[in-house]
């Protein structure tokens, strides 16, 4: 699962909304409705802005792109993708750490089934494919347009009821460099690394998907930004766990599955070598009818930060086994391992 946050648009969203009509007309959805036409989408997003400078972004685009395996797992079911998108917009709201939910956002999404090669693709640059040529395989993905400003109608109603004491509505930027800040002009911020990790955790728990370590954002992030030692440790852990899972007798060990999931989280490496991000909080259920409402999503952090003694021992033993060859090499060469 790839969750992409793009730079914002400084004017009307009409051009982008018109472009996203290229496959099917209408069929937009949001937290409460589906089957929405493009015109009300543009009108609502363009009207929901206040206290924004001329050069400031007025809206942002998110793209949720399941892998071929993930799409096969859910049968490319659009109803499931809509439910997943609603759950992810709950995570989006919570990631700002401002005490808001998806009900405080103005957003609209659309599902597309096709992708095409562009000049940025390697196959186009090498001459193997032509720009505009359709990509093969399953390519279903979701585009989300979300307002920079919180829902103004909801903000005004909250002010009138005395539930909101803020004088101005919130500005919500997912491309800010602030993360988890508590002081200064900007409070909260947005952690894009955590949001990308949440994208796969929510999918796994909502649809019962068993994700290999090599499919995780933590694995890709470590290989891209970790030190050489961290990359080697991640590769060894992935190889060792894959070997253990391939043995039925060991797969059935009590607590192994939970420990594998915990290890995925514990091995995550931030781009700057910072400690792993805290696991995401559970997504709230979308406001839908009882018949359409998806099952509640369990806390993605469950089992990740509060391990049982048996799980902690299993992970400690696994990492100790991986460290032993390095420890013996350093011992023979003189310096002690710190």
C-alpha atoms as a PDB file:
ATOM      1  CA  UNK A   1       0.000   0.000   0.000  1.00  0.00           C
ATOM      2  CA  UNK A   2       1.387   3.367  -1.020  1.00  0.00           C
ATOM      3  CA  UNK A   3      -0.090   6.518   0.525  1.00  0.00           C
ATOM      4  CA  UNK A   4       1.112   9.635  -1.275  1.00  0.00           C
ATOM      5  CA  UNK A   5       0.608  13.211  -0.085  1.00  0.00           C
ATOM      6  CA  UNK A   6       1.065  15.730  -2.898  1.00  0.00           C
ATOM      7  CA  UNK A   7       1.722  19.457  -2.820  1.00  0.00           C
ATOM      8  CA  UNK A   8      -1.395  21.594  -2.569  1.00  0.00           C
ATOM      9  CA  UNK A   9      -3.261  23.596  -5.181  1.00  0.00           C
ATOM     10  CA  UNK A  10      -3.304  27.376  -4.861  1.00  0.00           C
ATOM     11  CA  UNK A  11      -6.525  28.049  -6.728  1.00  0.00           C
ATOM     12  CA  UNK A  12      -9.723  26.255  -7.662  1.00  0.00           C
ATOM     13  CA  UNK A  13      -9.768  22.461  -7.648  1.00  0.00           C
ATOM     14  CA  UNK A  14     -11.909  22.446 -10.813  1.00  0.00           C
ATOM     15  CA  UNK A  15      -9.054  21.573 -13.157  1.00  0.00           C
ATOM     16  CA  UNK A  16      -8.015  18.536 -11.124  1.00  0.00           C
ATOM     17  CA  UNK A  17     -11.608  17.427 -10.553  1.00  0.00           C
ATOM     18  CA  UNK A  18     -12.305  17.654 -14.304  1.00  0.00           C
ATOM     19  CA  UNK A  19      -9.190  15.597 -15.012  1.00  0.00           C
ATOM     20  CA  UNK A  20     -10.356  12.894 -12.594  1.00  0.00           C
ATOM     21  CA  UNK A  21     -13.583  12.601 -14.602  1.00  0.00           C
ATOM     22  CA  UNK A  22     -11.638  11.007 -17.457  1.00  0.00           C
ATOM     23  CA  UNK A  23     -12.639   7.401 -16.656  1.00  0.00           C
ATOM     24  CA  UNK A  24     -16.155   7.829 -15.292  1.00  0.00           C
ATOM     25  CA  UNK A  25     -18.418  10.811 -14.760  1.00  0.00           C
ATOM     26  CA  UNK A  26     -19.483  11.490 -11.185  1.00  0.00           C
ATOM     27  CA  UNK A  27     -19.133   8.632  -8.677  1.00  0.00           C
ATOM     28  CA  UNK A  28     -17.375  10.772  -6.078  1.00  0.00           C
ATOM     29  CA  UNK A  29     -17.802   9.906  -2.387  1.00  0.00           C
ATOM     30  CA  UNK A  30     -16.983  11.365   1.007  1.00  0.00           C
ATOM     31  CA  UNK A  31     -17.401  10.446   4.671  1.00  0.00           C
ATOM     32  CA  UNK A  32     -21.201  10.380   4.487  1.00  0.00           C
ATOM     33  CA  UNK A  33     -22.282   9.935   0.859  1.00  0.00           C
ATOM     34  CA  UNK A  34     -21.481   8.211  -2.443  1.00  0.00           C
ATOM     35  CA  UNK A  35     -22.486   8.764  -6.073  1.00  0.00           C
ATOM     36  CA  UNK A  36     -21.749  12.505  -5.959  1.00  0.00           C
ATOM     37  CA  UNK A  37     -21.390  14.546  -9.154  1.00  0.00           C
ATOM     38  CA  UNK A  38     -18.276  16.635  -9.820  1.00  0.00           C
ATOM     39  CA  UNK A  39     -19.961  20.080  -9.704  1.00  0.00           C
ATOM     40  CA  UNK A  40     -20.943  19.995  -5.990  1.00  0.00           C
ATOM     41  CA  UNK A  41     -17.495  18.594  -5.183  1.00  0.00           C
ATOM     42  CA  UNK A  42     -15.799  21.625  -6.751  1.00  0.00           C
ATOM     43  CA  UNK A  43     -18.299  24.099  -5.281  1.00  0.00           C
ATOM     44  CA  UNK A  44     -17.902  22.761  -1.739  1.00  0.00           C
ATOM     45  CA  UNK A  45     -14.104  22.565  -1.771  1.00  0.00           C
ATOM     46  CA  UNK A  46     -13.677  25.991  -3.391  1.00  0.00           C
ATOM     47  CA  UNK A  47     -16.077  27.615  -0.903  1.00  0.00           C
ATOM     48  CA  UNK A  48     -14.476  26.042   2.171  1.00  0.00           C
ATOM     49  CA  UNK A  49     -11.593  28.451   2.668  1.00  0.00           C
ATOM     50  CA  UNK A  50     -10.890  31.274   5.100  1.00  0.00           C
ATOM     51  CA  UNK A  51      -7.867  33.286   6.262  1.00  0.00           C
ATOM     52  CA  UNK A  52      -5.682  31.840   3.508  1.00  0.00           C
ATOM     53  CA  UNK A  53      -3.160  33.999   1.677  1.00  0.00           C
ATOM     54  CA  UNK A  54      -3.136  34.276  -2.095  1.00  0.00           C
ATOM     55  CA  UNK A  55      -0.101  32.026  -2.378  1.00  0.00           C
ATOM     56  CA  UNK A  56      -1.222  29.466   0.218  1.00  0.00           C
ATOM     57  CA  UNK A  57      -2.528  26.069  -0.821  1.00  0.00           C
ATOM     58  CA  UNK A  58      -6.309  25.805  -0.771  1.00  0.00           C
ATOM     59  CA  UNK A  59      -6.534  22.018  -1.046  1.00  0.00           C
ATOM     60  CA  UNK A  60      -4.351  18.905  -1.171  1.00  0.00           C
ATOM     61  CA  UNK A  61      -4.474  15.624  -3.051  1.00  0.00           C
ATOM     62  CA  UNK A  62      -3.871  12.233  -1.427  1.00  0.00           C
ATOM     63  CA  UNK A  63      -3.453   9.042  -3.440  1.00  0.00           C
ATOM     64  CA  UNK A  64      -4.014   5.596  -1.904  1.00  0.00           C
ATOM     65  CA  UNK A  65      -2.555   2.877  -4.140  1.00  0.00           C
ATOM     66  CA  UNK A  66      -3.034  -0.767  -3.081  1.00  0.00           C
ATOM     67  CA  UNK A  67      -0.568  -3.304  -4.454  1.00  0.00           C
ATOM     68  CA  UNK A  68      -1.596  -6.017  -6.898  1.00  0.00           C
ATOM     69  CA  UNK A  69      -1.653  -8.540  -4.026  1.00  0.00           C
ATOM     70  CA  UNK A  70      -3.768  -6.275  -1.853  1.00  0.00           C
ATOM     71  CA  UNK A  71      -6.269  -5.694  -4.661  1.00  0.00           C
ATOM     72  CA  UNK A  72      -6.462  -9.435  -5.295  1.00  0.00           C
ATOM     73  CA  UNK A  73      -7.107  -9.975  -1.577  1.00  0.00           C
ATOM     74  CA  UNK A  74     -10.196  -7.739  -1.613  1.00  0.00           C
ATOM     75  CA  UNK A  75     -11.207  -8.603  -5.174  1.00  0.00           C
ATOM     76  CA  UNK A  76     -10.774  -4.951  -6.227  1.00  0.00           C
ATOM     77  CA  UNK A  77     -14.096  -4.344  -4.452  1.00  0.00           C
ATOM     78  CA  UNK A  78     -14.958  -0.637  -4.713  1.00  0.00           C
ATOM     79  CA  UNK A  79     -17.233  -0.754  -1.657  1.00  0.00           C
ATOM     80  CA  UNK A  80     -14.289  -2.035   0.405  1.00  0.00           C
ATOM     81  CA  UNK A  81     -12.015   0.638  -1.023  1.00  0.00           C
ATOM     82  CA  UNK A  82     -14.561   3.300  -0.075  1.00  0.00           C
ATOM     83  CA  UNK A  83     -14.729   1.953   3.487  1.00  0.00           C
ATOM     84  CA  UNK A  84     -10.924   1.851   3.614  1.00  0.00           C
ATOM     85  CA  UNK A  85     -10.654   5.439   2.352  1.00  0.00           C
ATOM     86  CA  UNK A  86     -13.078   6.623   5.047  1.00  0.00           C
ATOM     87  CA  UNK A  87     -10.984   4.877   7.698  1.00  0.00           C
ATOM     88  CA  UNK A  88      -7.808   6.464   6.318  1.00  0.00           C
ATOM     89  CA  UNK A  89      -9.331   9.937   6.375  1.00  0.00           C
ATOM     90  CA  UNK A  90      -9.978   9.347  10.069  1.00  0.00           C
ATOM     91  CA  UNK A  91      -6.260   8.618  10.438  1.00  0.00           C
ATOM     92  CA  UNK A  92      -5.508  11.748   8.391  1.00  0.00           C
ATOM     93  CA  UNK A  93      -7.526  13.904  10.786  1.00  0.00           C
ATOM     94  CA  UNK A  94      -5.998  12.334  13.901  1.00  0.00           C
ATOM     95  CA  UNK A  95      -2.466  12.744  12.529  1.00  0.00           C
ATOM     96  CA  UNK A  96      -2.705  16.526  12.959  1.00  0.00           C
ATOM     97  CA  UNK A  97      -2.907  16.053  16.752  1.00  0.00           C
ATOM     98  CA  UNK A  98      -5.463  18.845  17.051  1.00  0.00           C
ATOM     99  CA  UNK A  99      -8.327  16.847  18.535  1.00  0.00           C
ATOM    100  CA  UNK A 100     -10.309  16.658  15.300  1.00  0.00           C
ATOM    101  CA  UNK A 101     -11.959  13.767  13.449  1.00  0.00           C
ATOM    102  CA  UNK A 102     -12.846  13.153   9.820  1.00  0.00           C
ATOM    103  CA  UNK A 103     -16.168  14.878  10.500  1.00  0.00           C
ATOM    104  CA  UNK A 104     -14.187  18.131  10.768  1.00  0.00           C
ATOM    105  CA  UNK A 105     -12.750  17.750   7.255  1.00  0.00           C
ATOM    106  CA  UNK A 106     -14.100  18.591   3.812  1.00  0.00           C
ATOM    107  CA  UNK A 107     -12.936  15.895   1.422  1.00  0.00           C
ATOM    108  CA  UNK A 108     -14.085  14.009  -1.676  1.00  0.00           C
ATOM    109  CA  UNK A 109     -12.587  10.914  -3.262  1.00  0.00           C
ATOM    110  CA  UNK A 110     -12.795   9.028  -6.527  1.00  0.00           C
ATOM    111  CA  UNK A 111     -11.676   5.526  -7.504  1.00  0.00           C
ATOM    112  CA  UNK A 112      -9.796   4.947 -10.763  1.00  0.00           C
ATOM    113  CA  UNK A 113      -8.948   1.590 -12.351  1.00  0.00           C
ATOM    114  CA  UNK A 114      -6.323   2.523 -14.928  1.00  0.00           C
ATOM    115  CA  UNK A 115      -2.835   3.994 -14.898  1.00  0.00           C
ATOM    116  CA  UNK A 116      -0.711   5.181 -17.816  1.00  0.00           C
ATOM    117  CA  UNK A 117       3.021   5.555 -18.341  1.00  0.00           C
ATOM    118  CA  UNK A 118       4.475   9.057 -18.105  1.00  0.00           C
ATOM    119  CA  UNK A 119       7.851  10.587 -18.947  1.00  0.00           C
ATOM    120  CA  UNK A 120       8.913   9.989 -15.335  1.00  0.00           C
ATOM    121  CA  UNK A 121       8.603   6.187 -15.644  1.00  0.00           C
ATOM    122  CA  UNK A 122      11.827   4.261 -16.167  1.00  0.00           C
ATOM    123  CA  UNK A 123      10.307   2.156 -18.956  1.00  0.00           C
ATOM    124  CA  UNK A 124       9.515   5.342 -20.910  1.00  0.00           C
ATOM    125  CA  UNK A 125      12.990   6.723 -20.328  1.00  0.00           C
ATOM    126  CA  UNK A 126      14.551   3.500 -21.639  1.00  0.00           C
ATOM    127  CA  UNK A 127      12.251   3.438 -24.666  1.00  0.00           C
ATOM    128  CA  UNK A 128      10.449   0.223 -23.674  1.00  0.00           C
ATOM    129  CA  UNK A 129       7.086   1.970 -23.288  1.00  0.00           C
ATOM    130  CA  UNK A 130       5.509   5.088 -24.787  1.00  0.00           C
ATOM    131  CA  UNK A 131       4.049   7.967 -22.758  1.00  0.00           C
ATOM    132  CA  UNK A 132       0.306   7.533 -22.345  1.00  0.00           C
ATOM    133  CA  UNK A 133       0.430   3.764 -22.811  1.00  0.00           C
ATOM    134  CA  UNK A 134      -1.803   1.884 -20.338  1.00  0.00           C
ATOM    135  CA  UNK A 135      -0.076  -0.094 -17.599  1.00  0.00           C
ATOM    136  CA  UNK A 136      -0.922  -3.768 -17.252  1.00  0.00           C
ATOM    137  CA  UNK A 137      -2.161  -5.625 -14.184  1.00  0.00           C
ATOM    138  CA  UNK A 138      -4.423  -4.351 -11.405  1.00  0.00           C
ATOM    139  CA  UNK A 139      -4.089  -0.592 -11.052  1.00  0.00           C
ATOM    140  CA  UNK A 140      -7.123   0.441  -8.990  1.00  0.00           C
ATOM    141  CA  UNK A 141      -6.332   3.404  -6.741  1.00  0.00           C
ATOM    142  CA  UNK A 142      -8.054   6.256  -4.910  1.00  0.00           C
ATOM    143  CA  UNK A 143      -7.660  10.021  -5.380  1.00  0.00           C
ATOM    144  CA  UNK A 144      -8.722  12.211  -2.446  1.00  0.00           C
ATOM    145  CA  UNK A 145      -9.136  15.995  -2.622  1.00  0.00           C
ATOM    146  CA  UNK A 146      -9.178  17.536   0.856  1.00  0.00           C
ATOM    147  CA  UNK A 147      -9.620  21.168   1.894  1.00  0.00           C
ATOM    148  CA  UNK A 148      -6.805  23.043   3.644  1.00  0.00           C
ATOM    149  CA  UNK A 149      -9.422  24.554   6.000  1.00  0.00           C
ATOM    150  CA  UNK A 150     -11.502  22.575   8.465  1.00  0.00           C
ATOM    151  CA  UNK A 151     -15.233  22.263   7.698  1.00  0.00           C
ATOM    152  CA  UNK A 152     -16.465  25.862   8.030  1.00  0.00           C
ATOM    153  CA  UNK A 153     -20.124  24.919   8.479  1.00  0.00           C
ATOM    154  CA  UNK A 154     -19.236  22.601  11.342  1.00  0.00           C
ATOM    155  CA  UNK A 155     -16.862  25.217  12.809  1.00  0.00           C
ATOM    156  CA  UNK A 156     -19.574  27.918  12.784  1.00  0.00           C
ATOM    157  CA  UNK A 157     -22.143  25.582  14.337  1.00  0.00           C
ATOM    158  CA  UNK A 158     -19.657  24.603  17.070  1.00  0.00           C
ATOM    159  CA  UNK A 159     -18.969  28.265  17.820  1.00  0.00           C
ATOM    160  CA  UNK A 160     -22.692  29.022  18.134  1.00  0.00           C
ATOM    161  CA  UNK A 161     -23.197  26.120  20.546  1.00  0.00           C
ATOM    162  CA  UNK A 162     -20.180  27.180  22.595  1.00  0.00           C
ATOM    163  CA  UNK A 163     -18.375  23.898  21.876  1.00  0.00           C
ATOM    164  CA  UNK A 164     -15.547  25.654  20.010  1.00  0.00           C
ATOM    165  CA  UNK A 165     -13.793  28.620  21.584  1.00  0.00           C
ATOM    166  CA  UNK A 166     -11.219  29.178  18.840  1.00  0.00           C
ATOM    167  CA  UNK A 167     -11.677  32.440  16.977  1.00  0.00           C
ATOM    168  CA  UNK A 168     -10.468  31.103  13.637  1.00  0.00           C
ATOM    169  CA  UNK A 169     -10.896  27.759  11.849  1.00  0.00           C
ATOM    170  CA  UNK A 170      -7.925  25.411  11.668  1.00  0.00           C
ATOM    171  CA  UNK A 171      -5.495  25.383   8.767  1.00  0.00           C
ATOM    172  CA  UNK A 172      -4.538  21.784   8.021  1.00  0.00           C
ATOM    173  CA  UNK A 173      -1.416  21.157   5.939  1.00  0.00           C
ATOM    174  CA  UNK A 174      -0.150  17.574   5.481  1.00  0.00           C
ATOM    175  CA  UNK A 175       3.061  18.859   3.855  1.00  0.00           C
ATOM    176  CA  UNK A 176       4.228  20.857   6.882  1.00  0.00           C
ATOM    177  CA  UNK A 177       7.641  20.035   8.317  1.00  0.00           C
ATOM    178  CA  UNK A 178       6.255  20.208  11.868  1.00  0.00           C
ATOM    179  CA  UNK A 179       5.536  16.910  13.639  1.00  0.00           C
ATOM    180  CA  UNK A 180       4.113  16.468  17.136  1.00  0.00           C
ATOM    181  CA  UNK A 181       5.024  20.039  18.143  1.00  0.00           C
ATOM    182  CA  UNK A 182       3.586  21.422  21.380  1.00  0.00           C
ATOM    183  CA  UNK A 183       4.955  24.968  21.467  1.00  0.00           C
ATOM    184  CA  UNK A 184       5.416  27.858  19.084  1.00  0.00           C
ATOM    185  CA  UNK A 185       3.155  29.172  16.340  1.00  0.00           C
ATOM    186  CA  UNK A 186       2.420  25.723  14.922  1.00  0.00           C
ATOM    187  CA  UNK A 187       1.012  23.087  17.258  1.00  0.00           C
ATOM    188  CA  UNK A 188       0.498  19.479  16.209  1.00  0.00           C
ATOM    189  CA  UNK A 189       1.908  19.247  12.698  1.00  0.00           C
ATOM    190  CA  UNK A 190       1.617  16.190  10.465  1.00  0.00           C
ATOM    191  CA  UNK A 191       3.780  13.053  10.515  1.00  0.00           C
ATOM    192  CA  UNK A 192       3.846  11.703   6.952  1.00  0.00           C
ATOM    193  CA  UNK A 193       5.956   8.692   7.934  1.00  0.00           C
ATOM    194  CA  UNK A 194       3.362   7.672  10.508  1.00  0.00           C
ATOM    195  CA  UNK A 195       0.519   8.242   8.025  1.00  0.00           C
ATOM    196  CA  UNK A 196       2.160   5.993   5.437  1.00  0.00           C
ATOM    197  CA  UNK A 197       2.645   3.278   8.040  1.00  0.00           C
ATOM    198  CA  UNK A 198      -0.998   3.631   9.082  1.00  0.00           C
ATOM    199  CA  UNK A 199      -2.101   3.025   5.494  1.00  0.00           C
ATOM    200  CA  UNK A 200      -0.944  -0.588   5.578  1.00  0.00           C
ATOM    201  CA  UNK A 201      -1.855  -1.231   9.223  1.00  0.00           C
ATOM    202  CA  UNK A 202      -5.461  -0.130   8.673  1.00  0.00           C
ATOM    203  CA  UNK A 203      -5.725  -2.221   5.492  1.00  0.00           C
ATOM    204  CA  UNK A 204      -4.326  -5.316   7.217  1.00  0.00           C
ATOM    205  CA  UNK A 205      -6.710  -5.106  10.146  1.00  0.00           C
ATOM    206  CA  UNK A 206      -9.766  -4.057   8.173  1.00  0.00           C
ATOM    207  CA  UNK A 207      -9.441  -6.905   5.643  1.00  0.00           C
ATOM    208  CA  UNK A 208      -7.417  -9.551   7.491  1.00  0.00           C
ATOM    209  CA  UNK A 209      -4.420  -9.228   5.174  1.00  0.00           C
ATOM    210  CA  UNK A 210      -1.232 -11.068   6.250  1.00  0.00           C
ATOM    211  CA  UNK A 211       1.594  -8.786   5.178  1.00  0.00           C
ATOM    212  CA  UNK A 212       5.134 -10.061   4.791  1.00  0.00           C
ATOM    213  CA  UNK A 213       7.855  -7.866   6.289  1.00  0.00           C
ATOM    214  CA  UNK A 214       9.191  -7.196   2.791  1.00  0.00           C
ATOM    215  CA  UNK A 215       5.832  -5.603   1.898  1.00  0.00           C
ATOM    216  CA  UNK A 216       5.899  -3.129   4.767  1.00  0.00           C
ATOM    217  CA  UNK A 217       6.673   0.559   4.722  1.00  0.00           C
ATOM    218  CA  UNK A 218       9.046  -0.061   7.650  1.00  0.00           C
ATOM    219  CA  UNK A 219      11.100  -2.436   5.479  1.00  0.00           C
ATOM    220  CA  UNK A 220      11.228  -0.070   2.492  1.00  0.00           C
ATOM    221  CA  UNK A 221      11.918   2.947   4.698  1.00  0.00           C
ATOM    222  CA  UNK A 222      14.802   1.180   6.459  1.00  0.00           C
ATOM    223  CA  UNK A 223      16.391   0.081   3.189  1.00  0.00           C
ATOM    224  CA  UNK A 224      16.049   3.599   1.770  1.00  0.00           C
ATOM    225  CA  UNK A 225      17.079   5.674   4.797  1.00  0.00           C
ATOM    226  CA  UNK A 226      18.654   3.385   7.398  1.00  0.00           C
ATOM    227  CA  UNK A 227      22.357   2.887   8.052  1.00  0.00           C
ATOM    228  CA  UNK A 228      24.166  -0.053   6.481  1.00  0.00           C
ATOM    229  CA  UNK A 229      23.964  -1.940   9.768  1.00  0.00           C
ATOM    230  CA  UNK A 230      20.223  -1.239  10.072  1.00  0.00           C
ATOM    231  CA  UNK A 231      19.627  -2.392   6.490  1.00  0.00           C
ATOM    232  CA  UNK A 232      21.526  -5.616   7.075  1.00  0.00           C
ATOM    233  CA  UNK A 233      19.644  -6.250  10.314  1.00  0.00           C
ATOM    234  CA  UNK A 234      16.299  -5.715   8.573  1.00  0.00           C
ATOM    235  CA  UNK A 235      17.207  -8.083   5.731  1.00  0.00           C
ATOM    236  CA  UNK A 236      18.364 -10.757   8.185  1.00  0.00           C
ATOM    237  CA  UNK A 237      15.199 -10.379  10.245  1.00  0.00           C
ATOM    238  CA  UNK A 238      12.999 -10.665   7.151  1.00  0.00           C
ATOM    239  CA  UNK A 239      14.866 -13.765   5.960  1.00  0.00           C
ATOM    240  CA  UNK A 240      14.780 -15.408   9.382  1.00  0.00           C
ATOM    241  CA  UNK A 241      11.084 -14.743   9.942  1.00  0.00           C
ATOM    242  CA  UNK A 242      10.205 -15.979   6.451  1.00  0.00           C
ATOM    243  CA  UNK A 243      12.087 -19.201   7.169  1.00  0.00           C
ATOM    244  CA  UNK A 244      10.320 -19.654  10.509  1.00  0.00           C
ATOM    245  CA  UNK A 245       6.906 -19.000   8.995  1.00  0.00           C
ATOM    246  CA  UNK A 246       7.603 -21.608   6.326  1.00  0.00           C
ATOM    247  CA  UNK A 247       7.849 -24.305   9.046  1.00  0.00           C
ATOM    248  CA  UNK A 248       4.325 -25.293  10.217  1.00  0.00           C
ATOM    249  CA  UNK A 249       5.527 -26.461  13.622  1.00  0.00           C
ATOM    250  CA  UNK A 250       7.076 -23.102  14.362  1.00  0.00           C
ATOM    251  CA  UNK A 251       4.282 -21.024  12.862  1.00  0.00           C
ATOM    252  CA  UNK A 252       1.978 -22.524  15.470  1.00  0.00           C
ATOM    253  CA  UNK A 253       4.139 -21.368  18.399  1.00  0.00           C
ATOM    254  CA  UNK A 254       2.011 -19.334  20.837  1.00  0.00           C
ATOM    255  CA  UNK A 255       2.516 -15.623  20.294  1.00  0.00           C
ATOM    256  CA  UNK A 256       4.677 -15.962  17.163  1.00  0.00           C
ATOM    257  CA  UNK A 257       2.260 -14.184  14.833  1.00  0.00           C
ATOM    258  CA  UNK A 258       1.865 -11.295  17.268  1.00  0.00           C
ATOM    259  CA  UNK A 259       5.639 -11.125  17.695  1.00  0.00           C
ATOM    260  CA  UNK A 260       6.173 -10.979  13.948  1.00  0.00           C
ATOM    261  CA  UNK A 261       3.800  -8.028  13.711  1.00  0.00           C
ATOM    262  CA  UNK A 262       5.526  -6.398  16.688  1.00  0.00           C
ATOM    263  CA  UNK A 263       8.936  -6.855  15.068  1.00  0.00           C
ATOM    264  CA  UNK A 264       7.714  -5.098  11.920  1.00  0.00           C
ATOM    265  CA  UNK A 265       6.852  -2.067  14.030  1.00  0.00           C
ATOM    266  CA  UNK A 266       9.953  -2.187  16.237  1.00  0.00           C
ATOM    267  CA  UNK A 267      12.326  -2.300  13.256  1.00  0.00           C
ATOM    268  CA  UNK A 268      10.898   0.830  11.590  1.00  0.00           C
ATOM    269  CA  UNK A 269      13.573   3.470  11.011  1.00  0.00           C
ATOM    270  CA  UNK A 270      12.806   7.152  10.492  1.00  0.00           C
ATOM    271  CA  UNK A 271      14.520   8.974   7.589  1.00  0.00           C
ATOM    272  CA  UNK A 272      16.858  10.842   9.928  1.00  0.00           C
ATOM    273  CA  UNK A 273      17.666   7.876  12.130  1.00  0.00           C
ATOM    274  CA  UNK A 274      15.123   8.967  14.738  1.00  0.00           C
ATOM    275  CA  UNK A 275      13.470   6.352  16.954  1.00  0.00           C
ATOM    276  CA  UNK A 276      10.449   4.528  15.525  1.00  0.00           C
ATOM    277  CA  UNK A 277       7.226   6.501  15.327  1.00  0.00           C
ATOM    278  CA  UNK A 278       4.455   5.608  17.771  1.00  0.00           C
ATOM    279  CA  UNK A 279       1.846   3.280  16.307  1.00  0.00           C
ATOM    280  CA  UNK A 280      -1.325   4.877  15.004  1.00  0.00           C
ATOM    281  CA  UNK A 281      -4.493   5.142  17.025  1.00  0.00           C
ATOM    282  CA  UNK A 282      -7.557   3.207  15.939  1.00  0.00           C
ATOM    283  CA  UNK A 283      -9.687   4.636  13.155  1.00  0.00           C
ATOM    284  CA  UNK A 284     -13.210   5.611  14.086  1.00  0.00           C
ATOM    285  CA  UNK A 285     -16.124   4.059  12.251  1.00  0.00           C
ATOM    286  CA  UNK A 286     -17.469   6.166   9.350  1.00  0.00           C
ATOM    287  CA  UNK A 287     -20.868   7.793   9.827  1.00  0.00           C
ATOM    288  CA  UNK A 288     -22.942   5.525   7.637  1.00  0.00           C
ATOM    289  CA  UNK A 289     -26.131   3.571   7.891  1.00  0.00           C
ATOM    290  CA  UNK A 290     -26.099   0.455  10.060  1.00  0.00           C
ATOM    291  CA  UNK A 291     -26.239  -1.786   6.991  1.00  0.00           C
ATOM    292  CA  UNK A 292     -23.306  -0.098   5.235  1.00  0.00           C
ATOM    293  CA  UNK A 293     -21.180   0.557   8.285  1.00  0.00           C
ATOM    294  CA  UNK A 294     -17.907  -1.461   8.204  1.00  0.00           C
ATOM    295  CA  UNK A 295     -16.711  -3.478  11.157  1.00  0.00           C
ATOM    296  CA  UNK A 296     -14.724  -1.436  13.713  1.00  0.00           C
ATOM    297  CA  UNK A 297     -10.973  -1.375  13.244  1.00  0.00           C
ATOM    298  CA  UNK A 298      -8.934  -2.651  16.142  1.00  0.00           C
ATOM    299  CA  UNK A 299      -6.115  -0.610  17.532  1.00  0.00           C
ATOM    300  CA  UNK A 300      -3.122  -1.012  15.149  1.00  0.00           C
ATOM    301  CA  UNK A 301      -0.840  -0.547  18.129  1.00  0.00           C
ATOM    302  CA  UNK A 302      -2.226  -3.575  19.954  1.00  0.00           C
ATOM    303  CA  UNK A 303       0.597  -6.064  20.428  1.00  0.00           C
ATOM    304  CA  UNK A 304       3.140  -3.617  19.016  1.00  0.00           C
ATOM    305  CA  UNK A 305       4.163  -1.630  22.054  1.00  0.00           C
ATOM    306  CA  UNK A 306       2.859  -3.813  24.899  1.00  0.00           C
ATOM    307  CA  UNK A 307       4.349  -7.257  24.317  1.00  0.00           C
ATOM    308  CA  UNK A 308       3.898 -10.220  26.587  1.00  0.00           C
ATOM    309  CA  UNK A 309       7.049 -11.609  28.255  1.00  0.00           C
ATOM    310  CA  UNK A 310       6.959 -14.602  25.873  1.00  0.00           C
ATOM    311  CA  UNK A 311       6.790 -12.312  22.818  1.00  0.00           C
ATOM    312  CA  UNK A 312       9.590 -10.118  24.115  1.00  0.00           C
ATOM    313  CA  UNK A 313      11.761 -13.163  24.717  1.00  0.00           C
ATOM    314  CA  UNK A 314      11.105 -14.502  21.207  1.00  0.00           C
ATOM    315  CA  UNK A 315      12.146 -11.221  19.570  1.00  0.00           C
ATOM    316  CA  UNK A 316      15.145 -10.874  21.903  1.00  0.00           C
ATOM    317  CA  UNK A 317      16.289 -14.398  21.008  1.00  0.00           C
ATOM    318  CA  UNK A 318      15.819 -13.792  17.280  1.00  0.00           C
ATOM    319  CA  UNK A 319      17.865 -10.598  17.301  1.00  0.00           C
ATOM    320  CA  UNK A 320      20.478 -12.167  19.575  1.00  0.00           C
ATOM    321  CA  UNK A 321      20.930 -15.016  17.073  1.00  0.00           C
ATOM    322  CA  UNK A 322      21.467 -12.444  14.311  1.00  0.00           C
ATOM    323  CA  UNK A 323      23.962 -10.459  16.423  1.00  0.00           C
ATOM    324  CA  UNK A 324      26.114 -13.435  17.475  1.00  0.00           C
ATOM    325  CA  UNK A 325      28.267 -13.711  14.287  1.00  0.00           C
ATOM    326  CA  UNK A 326      29.010  -9.977  14.452  1.00  0.00           C
ATOM    327  CA  UNK A 327      29.741 -10.215  18.171  1.00  0.00           C
ATOM    328  CA  UNK A 328      32.220 -13.070  17.663  1.00  0.00           C
ATOM    329  CA  UNK A 329      33.951 -11.201  14.812  1.00  0.00           C
ATOM    330  CA  UNK A 330      34.411  -8.090  16.927  1.00  0.00           C
ATOM    331  CA  UNK A 331      35.621 -10.155  19.875  1.00  0.00           C
ATOM    332  CA  UNK A 332      38.318 -11.799  17.785  1.00  0.00           C
ATOM    333  CA  UNK A 333      39.410  -8.479  16.288  1.00  0.00           C
ATOM    334  CA  UNK A 334      39.828  -6.795  19.653  1.00  0.00           C
ATOM    335  CA  UNK A 335      37.191  -4.048  20.267  1.00  0.00           C
ATOM    336  CA  UNK A 336      34.355  -4.936  22.578  1.00  0.00           C
ATOM    337  CA  UNK A 337      30.741  -4.629  21.453  1.00  0.00           C
ATOM    338  CA  UNK A 338      29.023  -1.769  23.238  1.00  0.00           C
END
